[in-house]
Amino acid sequence: MARFPFDPRSFGAKPGRIQPQPAPPQANPNAQFRSLNASLLYCPICKEATPARERLLLVLPSGNKYEYVCAHCGTSTGEKTDQNQQDTQLIIP
């Protein structure tokens, strides 16, 4: 069942009169899923899903490598490599 934000103008109105506005079309519908960030991950030390902090480990030509750590005890709970990297330029002084 789809849920729509509350519109005070529809309070007390008969159902079906207010139509939800469609989302604007996107060039690539899967673009919103290119970069996902974890908010909760299972921690083996805490024995529960805890908030995860993202920490940059490496900057690679193929993308940045991140590590997820438990916000409570600091245990590593996962990692990801971000593939959306623009042209990397090496600056040599």
N, C-alpha and C. Protein backbone atom coordinates (compact mmCIF):
# COMPACT_ATOMS: atom_id res chain seq x y z
N MET A 1 0.84 -1.17 0.00
CA MET A 1 0.00 0.00 0.00
C MET A 1 0.89 1.23 0.00
N ALA A 2 0.66 2.13 -0.94
CA ALA A 2 1.46 3.34 -1.04
C ALA A 2 1.00 4.36 -0.01
N ARG A 3 1.97 5.06 0.58
CA ARG A 3 1.64 6.09 1.56
C ARG A 3 2.03 7.44 0.96
N PHE A 4 1.16 8.41 1.14
CA PHE A 4 1.40 9.73 0.62
C PHE A 4 1.48 10.71 1.77
N PRO A 5 2.24 11.80 1.62
CA PRO A 5 2.31 12.79 2.69
C PRO A 5 0.93 13.39 2.99
N PHE A 6 0.74 13.79 4.22
CA PHE A 6 -0.52 14.37 4.65
C PHE A 6 -0.72 15.74 4.01
N ASP A 7 -1.86 15.94 3.43
CA ASP A 7 -2.23 17.22 2.84
C ASP A 7 -3.39 17.78 3.66
N PRO A 8 -3.17 18.92 4.38
CA PRO A 8 -4.25 19.43 5.23
C PRO A 8 -5.50 19.81 4.45
N ARG A 9 -5.37 20.09 3.16
CA ARG A 9 -6.56 20.42 2.36
C ARG A 9 -7.46 19.21 2.17
N SER A 10 -6.89 17.99 2.32
CA SER A 10 -7.69 16.79 2.10
C SER A 10 -8.35 16.32 3.39
N PHE A 11 -8.09 16.97 4.52
CA PHE A 11 -8.67 16.53 5.78
C PHE A 11 -10.18 16.72 5.74
N GLY A 12 -10.89 15.63 5.91
CA GLY A 12 -12.35 15.68 5.89
C GLY A 12 -12.93 15.55 4.49
N ALA A 13 -12.07 15.50 3.47
CA ALA A 13 -12.57 15.38 2.09
C ALA A 13 -12.91 13.92 1.81
N LYS A 14 -13.70 13.70 0.80
CA LYS A 14 -14.04 12.34 0.42
C LYS A 14 -12.82 11.68 -0.22
N PRO A 15 -12.60 10.39 0.06
CA PRO A 15 -11.43 9.72 -0.49
C PRO A 15 -11.49 9.64 -2.01
N GLY A 16 -10.33 9.72 -2.63
CA GLY A 16 -10.24 9.58 -4.07
C GLY A 16 -10.28 10.89 -4.83
N ARG A 17 -10.49 12.01 -4.17
CA ARG A 17 -10.58 13.27 -4.88
C ARG A 17 -9.22 13.90 -5.15
N ILE A 18 -8.28 13.74 -4.24
CA ILE A 18 -6.96 14.34 -4.42
C ILE A 18 -6.03 13.28 -5.00
N GLN A 19 -5.45 13.59 -6.13
CA GLN A 19 -4.55 12.67 -6.80
C GLN A 19 -3.11 13.01 -6.45
N PRO A 20 -2.28 12.00 -6.13
CA PRO A 20 -0.87 12.28 -5.87
C PRO A 20 -0.17 12.74 -7.13
N GLN A 21 0.80 13.63 -6.96
CA GLN A 21 1.56 14.14 -8.09
C GLN A 21 2.63 13.11 -8.48
N PRO A 22 2.76 12.80 -9.77
CA PRO A 22 3.79 11.84 -10.17
C PRO A 22 5.18 12.44 -10.02
N ALA A 23 6.15 11.58 -9.78
CA ALA A 23 7.54 12.02 -9.65
C ALA A 23 8.05 12.46 -11.01
N PRO A 24 8.96 13.44 -11.03
CA PRO A 24 9.49 13.87 -12.33
C PRO A 24 10.30 12.74 -12.97
N PRO A 25 10.24 12.62 -14.29
CA PRO A 25 10.96 11.53 -14.94
C PRO A 25 12.47 11.72 -14.82
N GLN A 26 13.18 10.60 -14.68
CA GLN A 26 14.63 10.62 -14.59
C GLN A 26 15.20 10.02 -15.86
N ALA A 27 16.42 10.47 -16.22
CA ALA A 27 17.08 9.92 -17.39
C ALA A 27 17.38 8.43 -17.17
N ASN A 28 17.86 8.09 -15.98
CA ASN A 28 18.17 6.70 -15.65
C ASN A 28 17.43 6.37 -14.35
N PRO A 29 16.42 5.51 -14.40
CA PRO A 29 15.66 5.22 -13.18
C PRO A 29 16.48 4.55 -12.08
N ASN A 30 17.57 3.89 -12.42
CA ASN A 30 18.40 3.22 -11.42
C ASN A 30 19.50 4.11 -10.88
N ALA A 31 19.54 5.38 -11.27
CA ALA A 31 20.60 6.29 -10.83
C ALA A 31 20.57 6.51 -9.31
N GLN A 32 19.40 6.42 -8.70
CA GLN A 32 19.31 6.64 -7.26
C GLN A 32 19.95 5.52 -6.46
N PHE A 33 20.20 4.37 -7.09
CA PHE A 33 20.78 3.23 -6.39
C PHE A 33 22.28 3.08 -6.64
N ARG A 34 22.91 4.04 -7.30
CA ARG A 34 24.34 3.92 -7.59
C ARG A 34 25.18 3.94 -6.33
N SER A 35 24.84 4.77 -5.38
CA SER A 35 25.63 4.88 -4.17
C SER A 35 24.71 4.73 -2.96
N LEU A 36 24.80 3.60 -2.30
CA LEU A 36 24.02 3.36 -1.09
C LEU A 36 24.93 3.42 0.12
N ASN A 37 24.45 4.00 1.19
CA ASN A 37 25.21 4.07 2.44
C ASN A 37 24.45 3.31 3.51
N ALA A 38 25.15 2.45 4.23
CA ALA A 38 24.53 1.68 5.29
C ALA A 38 24.33 2.55 6.51
N SER A 39 23.19 2.43 7.16
CA SER A 39 22.95 3.18 8.39
C SER A 39 23.08 2.27 9.61
N LEU A 40 22.63 1.01 9.48
CA LEU A 40 22.75 0.02 10.56
C LEU A 40 23.37 -1.25 9.99
N LEU A 41 24.36 -1.78 10.69
CA LEU A 41 24.97 -3.05 10.32
C LEU A 41 25.12 -3.91 11.56
N TYR A 42 25.10 -5.23 11.38
CA TYR A 42 25.24 -6.15 12.50
C TYR A 42 26.68 -6.13 13.00
N CYS A 43 26.86 -5.93 14.30
CA CYS A 43 28.18 -5.94 14.93
C CYS A 43 28.35 -7.26 15.67
N PRO A 44 29.42 -8.03 15.36
CA PRO A 44 29.62 -9.32 16.05
C PRO A 44 30.00 -9.15 17.52
N ILE A 45 30.55 -8.03 17.92
CA ILE A 45 30.92 -7.80 19.31
C ILE A 45 29.69 -7.38 20.13
N CYS A 46 28.92 -6.43 19.62
CA CYS A 46 27.73 -5.93 20.32
C CYS A 46 26.55 -6.90 20.20
N LYS A 47 26.60 -7.82 19.23
CA LYS A 47 25.54 -8.81 19.00
C LYS A 47 24.20 -8.19 18.63
N GLU A 48 24.24 -7.06 17.92
CA GLU A 48 23.02 -6.42 17.44
C GLU A 48 23.36 -5.48 16.30
N ALA A 49 22.33 -5.03 15.59
CA ALA A 49 22.54 -4.04 14.54
C ALA A 49 22.77 -2.68 15.19
N THR A 50 23.88 -2.06 14.85
CA THR A 50 24.26 -0.78 15.46
C THR A 50 24.49 0.26 14.36
N PRO A 51 24.45 1.54 14.69
CA PRO A 51 24.77 2.56 13.69
C PRO A 51 26.19 2.36 13.17
N ALA A 52 26.36 2.56 11.87
CA ALA A 52 27.66 2.36 11.25
C ALA A 52 28.22 3.71 10.80
N ARG A 53 29.51 3.88 11.01
CA ARG A 53 30.21 5.07 10.54
C ARG A 53 31.06 4.68 9.35
N GLU A 54 31.05 5.53 8.33
CA GLU A 54 31.81 5.27 7.12
C GLU A 54 33.18 5.94 7.24
N ARG A 55 34.24 5.17 6.99
CA ARG A 55 35.61 5.69 7.11
C ARG A 55 36.35 5.41 5.81
N LEU A 56 36.98 6.43 5.24
CA LEU A 56 37.74 6.29 4.00
C LEU A 56 39.03 5.54 4.28
N LEU A 57 39.25 4.42 3.55
CA LEU A 57 40.45 3.63 3.72
C LEU A 57 41.50 3.95 2.66
N LEU A 58 41.11 3.85 1.39
CA LEU A 58 42.05 4.03 0.29
C LEU A 58 41.42 4.86 -0.81
N VAL A 59 42.27 5.61 -1.52
CA VAL A 59 41.85 6.30 -2.72
C VAL A 59 42.51 5.56 -3.87
N LEU A 60 41.71 4.84 -4.65
CA LEU A 60 42.21 4.01 -5.74
C LEU A 60 41.81 4.60 -7.08
N PRO A 61 42.52 4.26 -8.18
CA PRO A 61 42.10 4.75 -9.50
C PRO A 61 40.71 4.26 -9.89
N SER A 62 40.32 3.08 -9.41
CA SER A 62 39.00 2.54 -9.73
C SER A 62 37.90 3.11 -8.86
N GLY A 63 38.24 3.77 -7.76
CA GLY A 63 37.25 4.35 -6.86
C GLY A 63 37.76 4.36 -5.44
N ASN A 64 37.03 4.98 -4.55
CA ASN A 64 37.42 5.07 -3.15
C ASN A 64 36.94 3.83 -2.40
N LYS A 65 37.77 3.34 -1.48
CA LYS A 65 37.41 2.18 -0.66
C LYS A 65 37.09 2.67 0.74
N TYR A 66 35.90 2.30 1.23
CA TYR A 66 35.42 2.73 2.53
C TYR A 66 35.26 1.52 3.45
N GLU A 67 35.38 1.76 4.75
CA GLU A 67 35.15 0.74 5.76
C GLU A 67 34.02 1.24 6.66
N TYR A 68 33.13 0.33 7.03
CA TYR A 68 32.08 0.64 7.98
C TYR A 68 32.50 0.13 9.35
N VAL A 69 32.42 0.99 10.37
CA VAL A 69 32.79 0.60 11.73
C VAL A 69 31.59 0.84 12.66
N CYS A 70 31.50 0.01 13.69
CA CYS A 70 30.43 0.12 14.68
C CYS A 70 30.59 1.44 15.44
N ALA A 71 29.51 2.17 15.61
CA ALA A 71 29.56 3.45 16.31
C ALA A 71 29.77 3.27 17.81
N HIS A 72 29.47 2.08 18.35
CA HIS A 72 29.60 1.85 19.79
C HIS A 72 30.98 1.35 20.19
N CYS A 73 31.47 0.30 19.49
CA CYS A 73 32.73 -0.32 19.92
C CYS A 73 33.87 -0.14 18.92
N GLY A 74 33.61 0.33 17.70
CA GLY A 74 34.67 0.57 16.73
C GLY A 74 35.09 -0.64 15.93
N THR A 75 34.35 -1.75 16.01
CA THR A 75 34.67 -2.96 15.26
C THR A 75 34.30 -2.78 13.79
N SER A 76 35.14 -3.28 12.90
CA SER A 76 34.84 -3.23 11.47
C SER A 76 33.66 -4.13 11.16
N THR A 77 32.63 -3.58 10.51
CA THR A 77 31.42 -4.36 10.22
C THR A 77 31.19 -4.54 8.72
N GLY A 78 32.00 -3.92 7.87
CA GLY A 78 31.84 -4.08 6.43
C GLY A 78 32.69 -3.09 5.67
N GLU A 79 32.65 -3.21 4.34
CA GLU A 79 33.39 -2.28 3.48
C GLU A 79 32.69 -2.17 2.14
N LYS A 80 33.04 -1.13 1.41
CA LYS A 80 32.50 -0.93 0.07
C LYS A 80 33.52 -0.16 -0.76
N THR A 81 33.43 -0.32 -2.07
CA THR A 81 34.27 0.43 -3.00
C THR A 81 33.34 1.26 -3.86
N ASP A 82 33.53 2.56 -3.86
CA ASP A 82 32.71 3.47 -4.64
C ASP A 82 33.25 3.49 -6.06
N GLN A 83 32.46 3.04 -7.03
CA GLN A 83 32.91 2.93 -8.41
C GLN A 83 32.70 4.21 -9.21
N ASN A 84 31.98 5.18 -8.68
CA ASN A 84 31.68 6.42 -9.40
C ASN A 84 32.80 7.43 -9.19
N GLN A 85 33.88 7.23 -9.85
CA GLN A 85 35.05 8.10 -9.70
C GLN A 85 35.25 8.85 -11.01
N GLN A 86 35.39 10.18 -10.94
CA GLN A 86 35.69 10.95 -12.12
C GLN A 86 37.16 10.75 -12.47
N ASP A 87 37.59 11.37 -13.56
CA ASP A 87 38.98 11.26 -13.99
C ASP A 87 39.89 11.74 -12.88
N THR A 88 40.75 10.85 -12.40
CA THR A 88 41.68 11.18 -11.33
C THR A 88 42.95 11.72 -11.95
N GLN A 89 43.40 12.85 -11.44
CA GLN A 89 44.64 13.44 -11.94
C GLN A 89 45.67 13.44 -10.84
N LEU A 90 46.84 12.97 -11.16
CA LEU A 90 47.95 12.94 -10.20
C LEU A 90 48.74 14.21 -10.36
N ILE A 91 48.92 14.95 -9.26
CA ILE A 91 49.67 16.20 -9.29
C ILE A 91 51.02 15.96 -8.64
N ILE A 92 52.06 16.12 -9.42
CA ILE A 92 53.42 15.94 -8.91
C ILE A 92 54.06 17.30 -8.73
N PRO A 93 54.48 17.65 -7.49
CA PRO A 93 55.06 18.98 -7.27
C PRO A 93 56.45 19.11 -7.86
